């Protein structure tokens, strides 16, 4: 059966058809160049094995078989439309999302092809594997630095096999080289940065600091999560009795982190007294729309931003030599 024979069917009629009778193929679809991209990425990393890809009912690698199965509904727009109606989303429908998932599955294929999970170095790094499926429920630690974050829900923490797969996917992605982005451009919104889906942040660079500066970070933490309702970082230096260097960064107050240049301008060249710091801290809300949510309304956030800006600057200045 060709697509022309079923693409015009109603949803009810199409749901009665078996997948095997739809005549689906990966060849000639929008997925083919994405699969080719995976193989090119593997080759660029010096990996000769290119896992074969087949059509299945979901994303998976069969236990013990080094092959990737791609959901059937990704092969045709009519099937994607039905999947979206039934499930409210189409897993892997965009090129970026597809590549994240197929890199992850490629790791499982490699693990089975080379039996990595039986080797002691692998077990020391990721833990002992088992024949058990990835658990449906697990308790992740969102702030853990022991795991990479690639797929949603801190999936690397669900099982040793998934820890390896997520690590492999992060290592494999992005062959486009490096680029540098300023901090002003990097933060774009809540949990949103300038990073593309196939990029990994590998380094932070800053200019040299003047001798004798002090630094501090002060935050009003949300008790359950530890996230900053308001957080302020300050680096301060004094020379000849006046403030000669000042940098202030703020998070939690606005929809993204930002540098409080109005605070810096107000304090630079002052005597650094308590009154001067308080006056400068009052500028932290200049030209900023404070967030309002279940944890703190805008007025409270704005007030706390002034308090924690003052505290961060005072502590940083006390540490300056």
C-alpha atoms as a PDB file:
ATOM      1  CA  UNK A   1       0.000   0.000   0.000  1.00  0.00           C
ATOM      2  CA  UNK A   2       1.327   3.425  -0.980  1.00  0.00           C
ATOM      3  CA  UNK A   3       0.813   6.665   0.938  1.00  0.00           C
ATOM      4  CA  UNK A   4      -1.628   7.759  -1.728  1.00  0.00           C
ATOM      5  CA  UNK A   5      -3.877   4.870  -0.739  1.00  0.00           C
ATOM      6  CA  UNK A   6      -4.221   5.903   2.925  1.00  0.00           C
ATOM      7  CA  UNK A   7      -3.193   9.556   3.335  1.00  0.00           C
ATOM      8  CA  UNK A   8      -6.739  10.745   2.598  1.00  0.00           C
ATOM      9  CA  UNK A   9      -8.400   8.316   5.012  1.00  0.00           C
ATOM     10  CA  UNK A  10     -10.209   9.646   8.066  1.00  0.00           C
ATOM     11  CA  UNK A  11      -8.476   9.313  11.424  1.00  0.00           C
ATOM     12  CA  UNK A  12     -10.773   6.445  12.389  1.00  0.00           C
ATOM     13  CA  UNK A  13     -10.072   4.584   9.135  1.00  0.00           C
ATOM     14  CA  UNK A  14      -6.330   5.153   9.387  1.00  0.00           C
ATOM     15  CA  UNK A  15      -6.224   3.879  12.964  1.00  0.00           C
ATOM     16  CA  UNK A  16      -7.632   0.575  11.724  1.00  0.00           C
ATOM     17  CA  UNK A  17      -4.612   0.034   9.458  1.00  0.00           C
ATOM     18  CA  UNK A  18      -1.601  -1.988  10.592  1.00  0.00           C
ATOM     19  CA  UNK A  19       1.739  -0.199  10.392  1.00  0.00           C
ATOM     20  CA  UNK A  20       3.223  -3.001   8.310  1.00  0.00           C
ATOM     21  CA  UNK A  21       0.565  -2.458   5.639  1.00  0.00           C
ATOM     22  CA  UNK A  22       1.297   1.259   5.154  1.00  0.00           C
ATOM     23  CA  UNK A  23       4.347   0.670   2.967  1.00  0.00           C
ATOM     24  CA  UNK A  24       6.521   3.081   4.953  1.00  0.00           C
ATOM     25  CA  UNK A  25      10.177   3.689   4.118  1.00  0.00           C
ATOM     26  CA  UNK A  26      12.916   5.927   5.467  1.00  0.00           C
ATOM     27  CA  UNK A  27      14.410   6.364   2.009  1.00  0.00           C
ATOM     28  CA  UNK A  28      13.261   9.515   0.281  1.00  0.00           C
ATOM     29  CA  UNK A  29      11.869  11.148   3.436  1.00  0.00           C
ATOM     30  CA  UNK A  30      13.077  14.221   5.327  1.00  0.00           C
ATOM     31  CA  UNK A  31      14.610  11.794   7.827  1.00  0.00           C
ATOM     32  CA  UNK A  32      17.185  10.408   5.416  1.00  0.00           C
ATOM     33  CA  UNK A  33      19.543  13.434   5.498  1.00  0.00           C
ATOM     34  CA  UNK A  34      19.276  13.509   9.297  1.00  0.00           C
ATOM     35  CA  UNK A  35      20.322   9.867   9.504  1.00  0.00           C
ATOM     36  CA  UNK A  36      23.162  10.677   7.143  1.00  0.00           C
ATOM     37  CA  UNK A  37      24.143  13.549   9.454  1.00  0.00           C
ATOM     38  CA  UNK A  38      24.383  11.093  12.363  1.00  0.00           C
ATOM     39  CA  UNK A  39      26.673   8.842  10.332  1.00  0.00           C
ATOM     40  CA  UNK A  40      28.848  11.812   9.370  1.00  0.00           C
ATOM     41  CA  UNK A  41      29.143  12.856  13.010  1.00  0.00           C
ATOM     42  CA  UNK A  42      30.182   9.347  13.971  1.00  0.00           C
ATOM     43  CA  UNK A  43      32.803   9.286  11.232  1.00  0.00           C
ATOM     44  CA  UNK A  44      34.164  12.674  12.308  1.00  0.00           C
ATOM     45  CA  UNK A  45      34.685  11.210  15.778  1.00  0.00           C
ATOM     46  CA  UNK A  46      36.605   8.289  14.265  1.00  0.00           C
ATOM     47  CA  UNK A  47      33.770   5.792  14.785  1.00  0.00           C
ATOM     48  CA  UNK A  48      33.380   3.377  11.862  1.00  0.00           C
ATOM     49  CA  UNK A  49      30.199   1.582  12.929  1.00  0.00           C
ATOM     50  CA  UNK A  50      27.049   3.251  11.617  1.00  0.00           C
ATOM     51  CA  UNK A  51      24.007   1.687  13.315  1.00  0.00           C
ATOM     52  CA  UNK A  52      21.357   0.658  10.777  1.00  0.00           C
ATOM     53  CA  UNK A  53      18.035   2.466  11.112  1.00  0.00           C
ATOM     54  CA  UNK A  54      14.603   0.909  10.730  1.00  0.00           C
ATOM     55  CA  UNK A  55      10.985   1.924  11.216  1.00  0.00           C
ATOM     56  CA  UNK A  56       9.350   0.985  14.521  1.00  0.00           C
ATOM     57  CA  UNK A  57       6.440   2.001  16.695  1.00  0.00           C
ATOM     58  CA  UNK A  58       8.591   4.293  18.885  1.00  0.00           C
ATOM     59  CA  UNK A  59      12.165   5.403  19.518  1.00  0.00           C
ATOM     60  CA  UNK A  60      14.141   2.404  20.774  1.00  0.00           C
ATOM     61  CA  UNK A  61      17.089   0.058  20.381  1.00  0.00           C
ATOM     62  CA  UNK A  62      16.129  -3.591  20.974  1.00  0.00           C
ATOM     63  CA  UNK A  63      17.963  -5.189  23.865  1.00  0.00           C
ATOM     64  CA  UNK A  64      21.162  -6.767  22.548  1.00  0.00           C
ATOM     65  CA  UNK A  65      20.672  -5.560  18.954  1.00  0.00           C
ATOM     66  CA  UNK A  66      22.804  -2.650  17.653  1.00  0.00           C
ATOM     67  CA  UNK A  67      20.122  -1.048  15.496  1.00  0.00           C
ATOM     68  CA  UNK A  68      17.990   2.078  15.852  1.00  0.00           C
ATOM     69  CA  UNK A  69      14.234   2.062  15.389  1.00  0.00           C
ATOM     70  CA  UNK A  70      12.609   5.362  14.447  1.00  0.00           C
ATOM     71  CA  UNK A  71       8.887   6.013  15.046  1.00  0.00           C
ATOM     72  CA  UNK A  72       6.767   5.289  11.974  1.00  0.00           C
ATOM     73  CA  UNK A  73       4.779   8.501  12.338  1.00  0.00           C
ATOM     74  CA  UNK A  74       7.841  10.625  11.521  1.00  0.00           C
ATOM     75  CA  UNK A  75       7.921   9.298   7.963  1.00  0.00           C
ATOM     76  CA  UNK A  76       4.811  11.122   6.689  1.00  0.00           C
ATOM     77  CA  UNK A  77       3.029  14.379   7.493  1.00  0.00           C
ATOM     78  CA  UNK A  78      -0.382  12.647   7.618  1.00  0.00           C
ATOM     79  CA  UNK A  79       0.899  10.338  10.350  1.00  0.00           C
ATOM     80  CA  UNK A  80       2.521  13.214  12.229  1.00  0.00           C
ATOM     81  CA  UNK A  81      -0.799  15.052  12.177  1.00  0.00           C
ATOM     82  CA  UNK A  82      -2.598  12.038  13.634  1.00  0.00           C
ATOM     83  CA  UNK A  83       0.110  11.505  16.251  1.00  0.00           C
ATOM     84  CA  UNK A  84      -0.135  15.146  17.318  1.00  0.00           C
ATOM     85  CA  UNK A  85      -3.902  14.832  17.667  1.00  0.00           C
ATOM     86  CA  UNK A  86      -3.668  11.631  19.706  1.00  0.00           C
ATOM     87  CA  UNK A  87      -0.599  12.392  21.861  1.00  0.00           C
ATOM     88  CA  UNK A  88      -0.471  16.228  21.758  1.00  0.00           C
ATOM     89  CA  UNK A  89       3.119  16.122  20.508  1.00  0.00           C
ATOM     90  CA  UNK A  90       5.262  14.380  17.912  1.00  0.00           C
ATOM     91  CA  UNK A  91       8.453  13.146  19.526  1.00  0.00           C
ATOM     92  CA  UNK A  92      11.373  14.116  17.314  1.00  0.00           C
ATOM     93  CA  UNK A  93       9.401  16.129  14.746  1.00  0.00           C
ATOM     94  CA  UNK A  94      11.929  18.977  14.402  1.00  0.00           C
ATOM     95  CA  UNK A  95      15.454  18.367  13.036  1.00  0.00           C
ATOM     96  CA  UNK A  96      17.063  19.474  16.303  1.00  0.00           C
ATOM     97  CA  UNK A  97      14.840  17.236  18.415  1.00  0.00           C
ATOM     98  CA  UNK A  98      15.327  14.333  16.008  1.00  0.00           C
ATOM     99  CA  UNK A  99      19.114  14.615  16.213  1.00  0.00           C
ATOM    100  CA  UNK A 100      19.079  14.710  20.029  1.00  0.00           C
ATOM    101  CA  UNK A 101      17.066  11.492  20.121  1.00  0.00           C
ATOM    102  CA  UNK A 102      18.959   9.617  17.430  1.00  0.00           C
ATOM    103  CA  UNK A 103      22.331  10.458  19.009  1.00  0.00           C
ATOM    104  CA  UNK A 104      21.013   9.058  22.276  1.00  0.00           C
ATOM    105  CA  UNK A 105      19.810   5.871  20.582  1.00  0.00           C
ATOM    106  CA  UNK A 106      23.117   5.556  18.705  1.00  0.00           C
ATOM    107  CA  UNK A 107      24.826   5.259  22.082  1.00  0.00           C
ATOM    108  CA  UNK A 108      22.653   2.262  22.992  1.00  0.00           C
ATOM    109  CA  UNK A 109      23.461   0.679  19.644  1.00  0.00           C
ATOM    110  CA  UNK A 110      27.182   1.143  20.309  1.00  0.00           C
ATOM    111  CA  UNK A 111      26.828  -0.262  23.817  1.00  0.00           C
ATOM    112  CA  UNK A 112      25.290  -3.453  22.436  1.00  0.00           C
ATOM    113  CA  UNK A 113      27.677  -3.681  19.484  1.00  0.00           C
ATOM    114  CA  UNK A 114      30.777  -3.512  21.682  1.00  0.00           C
ATOM    115  CA  UNK A 115      29.350  -4.748  24.995  1.00  0.00           C
ATOM    116  CA  UNK A 116      30.667  -1.686  26.837  1.00  0.00           C
ATOM    117  CA  UNK A 117      28.530  -2.383  29.899  1.00  0.00           C
ATOM    118  CA  UNK A 118      30.503  -5.566  30.619  1.00  0.00           C
ATOM    119  CA  UNK A 119      33.795  -3.703  30.939  1.00  0.00           C
ATOM    120  CA  UNK A 120      35.024  -2.607  34.345  1.00  0.00           C
ATOM    121  CA  UNK A 121      35.999   0.972  33.348  1.00  0.00           C
ATOM    122  CA  UNK A 122      32.447   1.482  32.041  1.00  0.00           C
ATOM    123  CA  UNK A 123      30.967   0.102  35.258  1.00  0.00           C
ATOM    124  CA  UNK A 124      33.194   2.295  37.416  1.00  0.00           C
ATOM    125  CA  UNK A 125      32.058   5.370  35.483  1.00  0.00           C
ATOM    126  CA  UNK A 126      28.358   4.703  34.931  1.00  0.00           C
ATOM    127  CA  UNK A 127      27.451   1.915  37.360  1.00  0.00           C
ATOM    128  CA  UNK A 128      26.481  -1.684  36.852  1.00  0.00           C
ATOM    129  CA  UNK A 129      23.964  -2.255  34.124  1.00  0.00           C
ATOM    130  CA  UNK A 130      21.243  -4.916  34.194  1.00  0.00           C
ATOM    131  CA  UNK A 131      18.590  -6.472  32.009  1.00  0.00           C
ATOM    132  CA  UNK A 132      15.961  -4.329  33.697  1.00  0.00           C
ATOM    133  CA  UNK A 133      14.294  -1.636  31.630  1.00  0.00           C
ATOM    134  CA  UNK A 134      14.796   2.011  32.451  1.00  0.00           C
ATOM    135  CA  UNK A 135      12.441   2.617  35.392  1.00  0.00           C
ATOM    136  CA  UNK A 136       9.256   4.515  34.668  1.00  0.00           C
ATOM    137  CA  UNK A 137       9.728   6.515  37.856  1.00  0.00           C
ATOM    138  CA  UNK A 138      12.962   7.821  39.341  1.00  0.00           C
ATOM    139  CA  UNK A 139      13.960  10.687  41.588  1.00  0.00           C
ATOM    140  CA  UNK A 140      16.455  12.976  39.834  1.00  0.00           C
ATOM    141  CA  UNK A 141      18.722  15.489  41.519  1.00  0.00           C
ATOM    142  CA  UNK A 142      18.374  18.565  39.277  1.00  0.00           C
ATOM    143  CA  UNK A 143      21.458  20.292  40.685  1.00  0.00           C
ATOM    144  CA  UNK A 144      23.793  17.312  40.502  1.00  0.00           C
ATOM    145  CA  UNK A 145      27.055  17.935  38.675  1.00  0.00           C
ATOM    146  CA  UNK A 146      27.676  14.207  38.238  1.00  0.00           C
ATOM    147  CA  UNK A 147      25.453  13.849  35.177  1.00  0.00           C
ATOM    148  CA  UNK A 148      25.091  15.548  31.824  1.00  0.00           C
ATOM    149  CA  UNK A 149      21.782  17.102  30.767  1.00  0.00           C
ATOM    150  CA  UNK A 150      20.724  16.274  27.205  1.00  0.00           C
ATOM    151  CA  UNK A 151      17.150  14.976  27.033  1.00  0.00           C
ATOM    152  CA  UNK A 152      14.468  16.344  29.320  1.00  0.00           C
ATOM    153  CA  UNK A 153      13.770  15.251  32.890  1.00  0.00           C
ATOM    154  CA  UNK A 154      17.433  14.686  33.801  1.00  0.00           C
ATOM    155  CA  UNK A 155      17.197  11.392  31.954  1.00  0.00           C
ATOM    156  CA  UNK A 156      20.848  10.489  32.544  1.00  0.00           C
ATOM    157  CA  UNK A 157      19.994   9.857  36.184  1.00  0.00           C
ATOM    158  CA  UNK A 158      17.372   7.209  35.457  1.00  0.00           C
ATOM    159  CA  UNK A 159      19.689   4.236  34.786  1.00  0.00           C
ATOM    160  CA  UNK A 160      23.401   3.527  34.124  1.00  0.00           C
ATOM    161  CA  UNK A 161      22.617   2.723  30.484  1.00  0.00           C
ATOM    162  CA  UNK A 162      20.901   6.089  30.068  1.00  0.00           C
ATOM    163  CA  UNK A 163      23.783   7.859  31.818  1.00  0.00           C
ATOM    164  CA  UNK A 164      26.118   6.458  29.165  1.00  0.00           C
ATOM    165  CA  UNK A 165      23.716   7.234  26.311  1.00  0.00           C
ATOM    166  CA  UNK A 166      23.261  10.836  27.409  1.00  0.00           C
ATOM    167  CA  UNK A 167      27.009  11.310  27.881  1.00  0.00           C
ATOM    168  CA  UNK A 168      27.687   9.810  24.443  1.00  0.00           C
ATOM    169  CA  UNK A 169      25.103  12.103  22.834  1.00  0.00           C
ATOM    170  CA  UNK A 170      26.602  15.233  24.397  1.00  0.00           C
ATOM    171  CA  UNK A 171      30.094  14.153  23.312  1.00  0.00           C
ATOM    172  CA  UNK A 172      28.961  13.403  19.787  1.00  0.00           C
ATOM    173  CA  UNK A 173      26.956  16.504  18.976  1.00  0.00           C
ATOM    174  CA  UNK A 174      28.097  19.682  17.242  1.00  0.00           C
ATOM    175  CA  UNK A 175      30.724  19.393  14.566  1.00  0.00           C
ATOM    176  CA  UNK A 176      30.292  22.995  13.421  1.00  0.00           C
ATOM    177  CA  UNK A 177      33.257  24.344  15.349  1.00  0.00           C
ATOM    178  CA  UNK A 178      33.343  26.897  18.152  1.00  0.00           C
ATOM    179  CA  UNK A 179      31.865  30.367  18.539  1.00  0.00           C
ATOM    180  CA  UNK A 180      32.042  33.028  21.221  1.00  0.00           C
ATOM    181  CA  UNK A 181      28.966  34.780  22.614  1.00  0.00           C
ATOM    182  CA  UNK A 182      29.016  37.719  25.008  1.00  0.00           C
ATOM    183  CA  UNK A 183      27.148  37.352  28.282  1.00  0.00           C
ATOM    184  CA  UNK A 184      24.807  40.167  27.298  1.00  0.00           C
ATOM    185  CA  UNK A 185      23.701  38.066  24.312  1.00  0.00           C
ATOM    186  CA  UNK A 186      23.882  34.660  25.993  1.00  0.00           C
ATOM    187  CA  UNK A 187      20.947  34.974  28.422  1.00  0.00           C
ATOM    188  CA  UNK A 188      17.698  35.418  26.495  1.00  0.00           C
ATOM    189  CA  UNK A 189      14.828  34.352  28.762  1.00  0.00           C
ATOM    190  CA  UNK A 190      13.747  31.951  31.522  1.00  0.00           C
ATOM    191  CA  UNK A 191      15.784  28.768  30.955  1.00  0.00           C
ATOM    192  CA  UNK A 192      16.624  30.105  27.490  1.00  0.00           C
ATOM    193  CA  UNK A 193      20.069  30.946  26.163  1.00  0.00           C
ATOM    194  CA  UNK A 194      21.686  31.654  22.809  1.00  0.00           C
ATOM    195  CA  UNK A 195      22.920  28.058  22.578  1.00  0.00           C
ATOM    196  CA  UNK A 196      21.639  25.982  19.660  1.00  0.00           C
ATOM    197  CA  UNK A 197      20.321  22.460  20.180  1.00  0.00           C
ATOM    198  CA  UNK A 198      23.564  20.927  18.923  1.00  0.00           C
ATOM    199  CA  UNK A 199      25.926  23.123  20.947  1.00  0.00           C
ATOM    200  CA  UNK A 200      27.672  22.575  24.259  1.00  0.00           C
ATOM    201  CA  UNK A 201      29.035  25.289  26.529  1.00  0.00           C
ATOM    202  CA  UNK A 202      32.699  24.420  27.022  1.00  0.00           C
ATOM    203  CA  UNK A 203      34.355  27.512  28.435  1.00  0.00           C
ATOM    204  CA  UNK A 204      33.789  30.840  30.157  1.00  0.00           C
ATOM    205  CA  UNK A 205      36.213  33.681  29.519  1.00  0.00           C
ATOM    206  CA  UNK A 206      36.644  37.011  31.255  1.00  0.00           C
ATOM    207  CA  UNK A 207      39.209  39.741  31.222  1.00  0.00           C
ATOM    208  CA  UNK A 208      41.822  40.064  33.963  1.00  0.00           C
ATOM    209  CA  UNK A 209      40.659  41.503  37.277  1.00  0.00           C
ATOM    210  CA  UNK A 210      42.516  44.380  38.912  1.00  0.00           C
ATOM    211  CA  UNK A 211      44.673  43.414  41.869  1.00  0.00           C
ATOM    212  CA  UNK A 212      43.031  43.483  45.262  1.00  0.00           C
ATOM    213  CA  UNK A 213      39.388  43.228  44.241  1.00  0.00           C
ATOM    214  CA  UNK A 214      36.900  41.297  46.357  1.00  0.00           C
ATOM    215  CA  UNK A 215      33.896  39.280  45.246  1.00  0.00           C
ATOM    216  CA  UNK A 216      30.663  37.997  46.772  1.00  0.00           C
ATOM    217  CA  UNK A 217      27.364  36.392  45.857  1.00  0.00           C
ATOM    218  CA  UNK A 218      24.202  36.886  47.885  1.00  0.00           C
ATOM    219  CA  UNK A 219      20.824  35.330  47.174  1.00  0.00           C
ATOM    220  CA  UNK A 220      17.351  34.941  48.547  1.00  0.00           C
ATOM    221  CA  UNK A 221      16.782  31.241  47.951  1.00  0.00           C
ATOM    222  CA  UNK A 222      13.469  29.516  47.328  1.00  0.00           C
ATOM    223  CA  UNK A 223      13.436  26.980  50.203  1.00  0.00           C
ATOM    224  CA  UNK A 224      12.337  23.889  48.266  1.00  0.00           C
ATOM    225  CA  UNK A 225      14.382  24.225  45.081  1.00  0.00           C
ATOM    226  CA  UNK A 226      17.299  26.411  46.119  1.00  0.00           C
ATOM    227  CA  UNK A 227      16.737  28.611  43.072  1.00  0.00           C
ATOM    228  CA  UNK A 228      17.413  32.288  43.619  1.00  0.00           C
ATOM    229  CA  UNK A 229      14.276  34.374  43.971  1.00  0.00           C
ATOM    230  CA  UNK A 230      16.851  37.129  43.712  1.00  0.00           C
ATOM    231  CA  UNK A 231      20.608  36.618  43.428  1.00  0.00           C
ATOM    232  CA  UNK A 232      23.358  39.215  43.091  1.00  0.00           C
ATOM    233  CA  UNK A 233      27.063  38.772  42.350  1.00  0.00           C
ATOM    234  CA  UNK A 234      29.469  41.658  42.867  1.00  0.00           C
ATOM    235  CA  UNK A 235      33.170  42.272  42.281  1.00  0.00           C
ATOM    236  CA  UNK A 236      34.490  45.465  43.850  1.00  0.00           C
ATOM    237  CA  UNK A 237      37.870  47.171  44.086  1.00  0.00           C
ATOM    238  CA  UNK A 238      39.015  50.345  45.873  1.00  0.00           C
ATOM    239  CA  UNK A 239      41.926  52.606  45.060  1.00  0.00           C
ATOM    240  CA  UNK A 240      42.943  55.878  46.707  1.00  0.00           C
ATOM    241  CA  UNK A 241      39.893  55.927  48.932  1.00  0.00           C
ATOM    242  CA  UNK A 242      37.314  55.533  46.170  1.00  0.00           C
ATOM    243  CA  UNK A 243      35.667  52.704  44.227  1.00  0.00           C
ATOM    244  CA  UNK A 244      37.824  52.058  41.174  1.00  0.00           C
ATOM    245  CA  UNK A 245      36.301  48.818  39.905  1.00  0.00           C
ATOM    246  CA  UNK A 246      32.737  47.494  40.160  1.00  0.00           C
ATOM    247  CA  UNK A 247      30.826  44.749  38.365  1.00  0.00           C
ATOM    248  CA  UNK A 248      27.337  43.613  39.421  1.00  0.00           C
ATOM    249  CA  UNK A 249      25.337  40.717  37.964  1.00  0.00           C
ATOM    250  CA  UNK A 250      21.718  39.987  38.899  1.00  0.00           C
ATOM    251  CA  UNK A 251      19.562  36.883  38.481  1.00  0.00           C
ATOM    252  CA  UNK A 252      16.001  36.028  39.478  1.00  0.00           C
ATOM    253  CA  UNK A 253      14.751  39.602  39.271  1.00  0.00           C
ATOM    254  CA  UNK A 254      14.169  39.831  35.524  1.00  0.00           C
ATOM    255  CA  UNK A 255      13.263  37.188  32.915  1.00  0.00           C
ATOM    256  CA  UNK A 256      16.990  36.567  32.425  1.00  0.00           C
ATOM    257  CA  UNK A 257      20.245  37.341  34.206  1.00  0.00           C
ATOM    258  CA  UNK A 258      21.706  40.752  33.487  1.00  0.00           C
ATOM    259  CA  UNK A 259      24.525  43.113  34.375  1.00  0.00           C
ATOM    260  CA  UNK A 260      23.359  46.028  36.540  1.00  0.00           C
ATOM    261  CA  UNK A 261      25.324  48.767  34.821  1.00  0.00           C
ATOM    262  CA  UNK A 262      23.227  51.509  36.450  1.00  0.00           C
ATOM    263  CA  UNK A 263      24.358  50.290  39.870  1.00  0.00           C
ATOM    264  CA  UNK A 264      27.956  50.207  38.682  1.00  0.00           C
ATOM    265  CA  UNK A 265      27.795  53.746  37.300  1.00  0.00           C
ATOM    266  CA  UNK A 266      26.269  55.068  40.525  1.00  0.00           C
ATOM    267  CA  UNK A 267      28.955  53.531  42.745  1.00  0.00           C
ATOM    268  CA  UNK A 268      32.062  53.966  40.577  1.00  0.00           C
ATOM    269  CA  UNK A 269      34.224  56.816  41.935  1.00  0.00           C
ATOM    270  CA  UNK A 270      32.291  57.091  45.202  1.00  0.00           C
ATOM    271  CA  UNK A 271      33.846  56.637  48.626  1.00  0.00           C
ATOM    272  CA  UNK A 272      32.199  53.220  49.067  1.00  0.00           C
ATOM    273  CA  UNK A 273      30.454  54.265  52.259  1.00  0.00           C
ATOM    274  CA  UNK A 274      27.308  52.521  53.446  1.00  0.00           C
ATOM    275  CA  UNK A 275      25.187  55.405  52.213  1.00  0.00           C
ATOM    276  CA  UNK A 276      26.885  55.400  48.811  1.00  0.00           C
ATOM    277  CA  UNK A 277      26.339  51.646  48.451  1.00  0.00           C
ATOM    278  CA  UNK A 278      22.688  51.948  49.491  1.00  0.00           C
ATOM    279  CA  UNK A 279      22.108  54.734  47.004  1.00  0.00           C
ATOM    280  CA  UNK A 280      23.738  52.754  44.203  1.00  0.00           C
ATOM    281  CA  UNK A 281      21.836  49.554  45.073  1.00  0.00           C
ATOM    282  CA  UNK A 282      18.556  51.436  44.679  1.00  0.00           C
ATOM    283  CA  UNK A 283      19.271  51.614  40.932  1.00  0.00           C
ATOM    284  CA  UNK A 284      19.145  47.824  40.446  1.00  0.00           C
ATOM    285  CA  UNK A 285      15.531  48.057  39.275  1.00  0.00           C
ATOM    286  CA  UNK A 286      16.194  50.809  36.723  1.00  0.00           C
ATOM    287  CA  UNK A 287      14.721  49.883  33.322  1.00  0.00           C
ATOM    288  CA  UNK A 288      13.937  46.364  34.593  1.00  0.00           C
ATOM    289  CA  UNK A 289      10.528  44.690  34.740  1.00  0.00           C
ATOM    290  CA  UNK A 290      10.541  42.505  37.854  1.00  0.00           C
ATOM    291  CA  UNK A 291       9.120  38.994  37.596  1.00  0.00           C
ATOM    292  CA  UNK A 292       6.010  37.951  39.483  1.00  0.00           C
ATOM    293  CA  UNK A 293       5.181  34.323  40.269  1.00  0.00           C
ATOM    294  CA  UNK A 294       3.915  32.030  43.041  1.00  0.00           C
ATOM    295  CA  UNK A 295       7.149  32.501  44.996  1.00  0.00           C
ATOM    296  CA  UNK A 296       7.313  36.302  45.002  1.00  0.00           C
ATOM    297  CA  UNK A 297       5.386  39.117  43.393  1.00  0.00           C
ATOM    298  CA  UNK A 298       7.099  41.875  41.451  1.00  0.00           C
ATOM    299  CA  UNK A 299       7.095  44.407  44.280  1.00  0.00           C
ATOM    300  CA  UNK A 300       8.686  41.989  46.741  1.00  0.00           C
ATOM    301  CA  UNK A 301      11.303  40.899  44.206  1.00  0.00           C
ATOM    302  CA  UNK A 302      12.196  44.488  43.433  1.00  0.00           C
ATOM    303  CA  UNK A 303      12.565  45.311  47.131  1.00  0.00           C
ATOM    304  CA  UNK A 304      14.706  42.234  47.780  1.00  0.00           C
ATOM    305  CA  UNK A 305      16.868  43.032  44.761  1.00  0.00           C
ATOM    306  CA  UNK A 306      17.879  46.302  46.419  1.00  0.00           C
ATOM    307  CA  UNK A 307      18.626  44.530  49.717  1.00  0.00           C
ATOM    308  CA  UNK A 308      20.703  41.744  48.179  1.00  0.00           C
ATOM    309  CA  UNK A 309      22.548  44.098  45.839  1.00  0.00           C
ATOM    310  CA  UNK A 310      23.609  46.126  48.863  1.00  0.00           C
ATOM    311  CA  UNK A 311      24.655  42.991  50.786  1.00  0.00           C
ATOM    312  CA  UNK A 312      26.664  41.567  47.886  1.00  0.00           C
ATOM    313  CA  UNK A 313      28.537  44.850  47.337  1.00  0.00           C
ATOM    314  CA  UNK A 314      29.228  45.327  51.039  1.00  0.00           C
ATOM    315  CA  UNK A 315      30.589  41.790  51.392  1.00  0.00           C
ATOM    316  CA  UNK A 316      32.685  42.068  48.243  1.00  0.00           C
ATOM    317  CA  UNK A 317      34.140  45.372  49.397  1.00  0.00           C
ATOM    318  CA  UNK A 318      35.002  43.910  52.819  1.00  0.00           C
ATOM    319  CA  UNK A 319      37.042  41.240  51.028  1.00  0.00           C
ATOM    320  CA  UNK A 320      38.947  43.713  48.843  1.00  0.00           C
ATOM    321  CA  UNK A 321      42.508  44.402  49.898  1.00  0.00           C
END
